[in-house]
Amino acid sequence: MEGNTVRSGHGYDVHRLVKGRKLILGGVEVPHHLGLLGHSDADVLTHAVMDALLGAAGLWDIGHAFPDTDDSFKDISSLVLLERVMAMLKEKGYRVGNVDCTLLAQNTKLAPYIPQMRDNLARCMEVEPDRVNVKATTEEGLGFTGREEGMAAHAVCILEN
């Protein structure tokens, strides 16, 4: 890369809510009667962050980097995968400027857990927590998140070199 570069990325992820799984968001186990279904720990928040970072760096997405056909990723912590994404970014000379995320969930009280989610994400991205923002909202009972069929997350990021 020549000169200073700033790149932005957007990530989106969604997972179905099911019985018999833990609800992991931003690396935090949130008490809930349902959990997210997925090949890894199905951490929808961390997945959206990884997709934003990979997209900003032009490195495809998490499905390409960590395919669900690879058993080595079965039930893996998404924070471990985020650390691997960070290694890919460092190899290309990027560092995280900031990340802003929004969780879409209906009847899950997330506010008490957001500071730890933020700290976990910041630690993995090797940035100060004030460079990571996590918000949560409901969709007023509308759509699949409103019916509590699943959760979704959006993330945007800035990468710098």
Foldseek 3Di string as FASTA:
>chain_A
DPDKDKFKFKFKDKFFWDAPAFAAELNDGADDRTHGDDQASNHQNLQRVLQGLCVRVVNHGCCVVPNSVDNVRGNHDSLVVLLVSLVVQVVVPKAWQAKEKEKEAAPGPCVVPQVVSLVSNCVSRVHDSVRYHYYYDYPCLDDCRSVRRMMMMMMMTMMMD
